[in-house]
């Protein structure tokens, strides 16, 4: 069982908590710590570290959604800290992180009969995609996976937003799964 703790309260963090509770079989959500009134620079890491609940340090993985560059210094020495811009690109546990799918394809007509999520993005967009892409032809699914990912993604938007990275990561996962079957 992988124990996950979360620092921060971004929409992605809250969605990850929901996803763990709904789909996690080997991943357990421990607790969430939401730091308040953080200065731009944390001058004394030791003082800040004392504000963090002790239980956080018992987690196997701490996901830092705070967006504050100094928090990782307060977490030095823990088992694993994950703090990427795009959490779809992070290896969090066997169940959550870089998405992976298994597909069942009707080879007569090239239609995706079923998609199983073997590893989900933290926000759960992978499950949304698996549901929406079933019944589509392979080329149609590959054309729509990016747009559908961006619809479900809780990451940042805009030209440099993480939703674009999430879309590419999910598209690659679907291509890889299809490639194993054709």
Protein backbone atom coordinates (compact mmCIF):
# COMPACT_ATOMS: atom_id res chain seq x y z
CA UNK A 1 0.00 0.00 0.00
CA UNK A 2 1.44 3.36 -1.06
CA UNK A 3 0.56 6.17 1.36
CA UNK A 4 0.17 9.58 -0.29
CA UNK A 5 0.10 12.98 1.41
CA UNK A 6 -0.63 16.24 -0.36
CA UNK A 7 0.61 19.76 0.25
CA UNK A 8 -1.44 22.55 -1.30
CA UNK A 9 -5.01 22.99 -2.46
CA UNK A 10 -4.93 23.35 -6.24
CA UNK A 11 -7.88 21.97 -8.19
CA UNK A 12 -5.57 19.15 -9.33
CA UNK A 13 -4.79 18.24 -5.71
CA UNK A 14 -8.44 18.04 -4.75
CA UNK A 15 -9.23 15.96 -7.83
CA UNK A 16 -6.36 13.58 -6.99
CA UNK A 17 -7.77 13.04 -3.50
CA UNK A 18 -11.14 12.21 -5.08
CA UNK A 19 -9.51 9.85 -7.59
CA UNK A 20 -7.53 7.98 -4.91
CA UNK A 21 -10.67 7.51 -2.83
CA UNK A 22 -12.67 6.28 -5.83
CA UNK A 23 -10.11 4.14 -7.69
CA UNK A 24 -7.18 3.51 -5.36
CA UNK A 25 -6.79 -0.13 -4.42
CA UNK A 26 -3.09 -0.05 -3.53
CA UNK A 27 -2.83 3.68 -2.84
CA UNK A 28 -4.08 5.36 0.32
CA UNK A 29 -4.68 9.08 0.81
CA UNK A 30 -3.29 10.07 4.23
CA UNK A 31 -3.83 13.81 4.65
CA UNK A 32 -3.65 17.20 3.02
CA UNK A 33 -1.75 20.18 4.44
CA UNK A 34 -2.64 23.61 3.11
CA UNK A 35 0.01 26.15 4.11
CA UNK A 36 -1.34 29.66 4.60
CA UNK A 37 0.20 33.11 4.16
CA UNK A 38 3.45 31.88 2.69
CA UNK A 39 6.05 34.56 2.02
CA UNK A 40 7.67 34.70 -1.43
CA UNK A 41 10.83 33.29 0.15
CA UNK A 42 10.83 31.04 3.22
CA UNK A 43 13.88 32.32 5.11
CA UNK A 44 13.89 29.77 7.90
CA UNK A 45 13.03 26.31 6.60
CA UNK A 46 13.25 24.76 10.10
CA UNK A 47 10.56 27.09 11.47
CA UNK A 48 8.31 26.33 8.50
CA UNK A 49 8.99 22.60 8.82
CA UNK A 50 7.55 22.67 12.36
CA UNK A 51 4.23 23.91 10.92
CA UNK A 52 3.89 20.81 8.75
CA UNK A 53 1.88 18.03 10.43
CA UNK A 54 4.26 15.23 11.51
CA UNK A 55 2.07 12.60 9.80
CA UNK A 56 3.01 14.03 6.39
CA UNK A 57 6.53 12.72 6.90
CA UNK A 58 5.17 9.16 7.29
CA UNK A 59 3.89 9.17 3.70
CA UNK A 60 5.58 7.09 1.02
CA UNK A 61 4.97 9.92 -1.45
CA UNK A 62 4.34 13.62 -0.81
CA UNK A 63 2.76 15.46 -3.73
CA UNK A 64 3.56 19.16 -3.52
CA UNK A 65 0.82 21.11 -5.29
CA UNK A 66 1.69 24.35 -3.49
CA UNK A 67 3.65 25.87 -6.35
CA UNK A 68 6.10 27.35 -3.81
CA UNK A 69 9.72 26.65 -4.70
CA UNK A 70 10.98 26.56 -1.08
CA UNK A 71 8.65 23.88 0.28
CA UNK A 72 10.72 21.04 -1.16
CA UNK A 73 13.59 22.09 1.14
CA UNK A 74 11.37 21.52 4.16
CA UNK A 75 10.68 18.01 2.86
CA UNK A 76 14.33 16.99 2.53
CA UNK A 77 14.88 13.43 3.70
CA UNK A 78 11.37 12.11 3.08
CA UNK A 79 10.95 8.95 0.99
CA UNK A 80 9.68 10.62 -2.18
CA UNK A 81 8.56 14.15 -3.06
CA UNK A 82 6.77 14.82 -6.34
CA UNK A 83 6.47 18.43 -7.46
CA UNK A 84 6.27 18.66 -11.26
CA UNK A 85 4.38 21.26 -13.25
CA UNK A 86 2.28 18.51 -14.84
CA UNK A 87 1.35 15.68 -12.47
CA UNK A 88 0.50 13.39 -15.42
CA UNK A 89 4.27 13.25 -15.94
CA UNK A 90 5.03 12.14 -12.37
CA UNK A 91 5.50 8.59 -11.16
CA UNK A 92 3.49 8.58 -7.94
CA UNK A 93 2.45 4.97 -7.33
CA UNK A 94 1.69 1.79 -9.26
CA UNK A 95 -1.86 3.09 -9.78
CA UNK A 96 -1.31 6.81 -10.33
CA UNK A 97 1.07 8.90 -12.40
CA UNK A 98 1.99 8.59 -16.06
CA UNK A 99 -1.18 7.04 -17.54
CA UNK A 100 -1.31 3.57 -19.05
CA UNK A 101 -4.15 1.83 -20.86
CA UNK A 102 -5.04 -1.60 -22.19
CA UNK A 103 -7.31 -1.65 -25.22
CA UNK A 104 -9.51 -4.23 -26.84
CA UNK A 105 -9.91 -3.62 -30.57
CA UNK A 106 -12.34 -5.14 -33.04
CA UNK A 107 -9.83 -5.92 -35.78
CA UNK A 108 -12.54 -6.28 -38.43
CA UNK A 109 -13.59 -2.63 -38.25
CA UNK A 110 -10.83 -0.96 -36.19
CA UNK A 111 -13.17 0.07 -33.40
CA UNK A 112 -11.99 0.28 -29.80
CA UNK A 113 -14.31 -2.09 -27.95
CA UNK A 114 -12.93 -1.44 -24.48
CA UNK A 115 -10.29 0.61 -22.70
CA UNK A 116 -9.02 -0.35 -19.27
CA UNK A 117 -7.06 2.14 -17.20
CA UNK A 118 -4.08 0.27 -15.75
CA UNK A 119 -2.51 3.46 -14.37
CA UNK A 120 -4.42 6.73 -14.06
CA UNK A 121 -3.36 10.32 -14.21
CA UNK A 122 -3.72 11.75 -10.68
CA UNK A 123 -6.74 13.88 -11.65
CA UNK A 124 -8.61 10.87 -13.03
CA UNK A 125 -8.80 12.20 -16.61
CA UNK A 126 -7.70 8.73 -17.76
CA UNK A 127 -10.99 7.22 -16.57
CA UNK A 128 -12.95 9.97 -18.34
CA UNK A 129 -11.06 9.19 -21.56
CA UNK A 130 -11.54 5.44 -21.26
CA UNK A 131 -15.28 6.01 -21.11
CA UNK A 132 -15.45 8.59 -23.92
CA UNK A 133 -13.15 6.80 -26.41
CA UNK A 134 -14.90 3.41 -26.31
CA UNK A 135 -16.72 2.69 -29.55
CA UNK A 136 -14.58 5.00 -31.67
CA UNK A 137 -12.41 3.96 -34.59
CA UNK A 138 -8.70 4.00 -33.77
CA UNK A 139 -7.92 7.09 -35.86
CA UNK A 140 -10.91 8.94 -34.44
CA UNK A 141 -9.87 8.08 -30.87
CA UNK A 142 -6.32 9.27 -31.52
CA UNK A 143 -7.65 12.50 -33.02
CA UNK A 144 -9.92 13.17 -30.04
CA UNK A 145 -7.82 12.03 -27.08
CA UNK A 146 -5.97 15.34 -26.72
CA UNK A 147 -9.08 17.50 -26.79
CA UNK A 148 -10.93 15.22 -24.38
CA UNK A 149 -7.94 15.20 -22.01
CA UNK A 150 -7.93 18.99 -21.97
CA UNK A 151 -11.65 18.94 -21.18
CA UNK A 152 -11.10 16.78 -18.09
CA UNK A 153 -7.71 18.18 -17.03
CA UNK A 154 -7.46 20.42 -13.97
CA UNK A 155 -4.04 21.77 -14.95
CA UNK A 156 -3.26 25.28 -16.09
CA UNK A 157 -4.49 26.55 -19.45
CA UNK A 158 -3.07 29.04 -21.91
CA UNK A 159 -0.34 28.58 -24.51
CA UNK A 160 2.19 27.27 -21.97
CA UNK A 161 -0.36 25.51 -19.75
CA UNK A 162 0.04 22.00 -18.41
CA UNK A 163 -3.19 20.83 -20.08
CA UNK A 164 -1.24 20.58 -23.33
CA UNK A 165 1.39 18.34 -21.75
CA UNK A 166 -1.39 16.23 -20.21
CA UNK A 167 -3.00 15.87 -23.64
CA UNK A 168 0.26 14.69 -25.22
CA UNK A 169 0.96 12.27 -22.37
CA UNK A 170 -2.50 10.68 -22.67
CA UNK A 171 -2.23 10.50 -26.45
CA UNK A 172 1.10 8.68 -26.15
CA UNK A 173 -0.41 6.27 -23.60
CA UNK A 174 -3.30 5.48 -25.96
CA UNK A 175 -0.94 5.07 -28.95
CA UNK A 176 1.24 2.70 -26.91
CA UNK A 177 -1.77 0.61 -25.87
CA UNK A 178 -3.07 0.44 -29.45
CA UNK A 179 0.41 -0.42 -30.73
CA UNK A 180 0.47 -3.50 -28.50
CA UNK A 181 -2.76 -4.76 -30.09
CA UNK A 182 -2.26 -4.13 -33.81
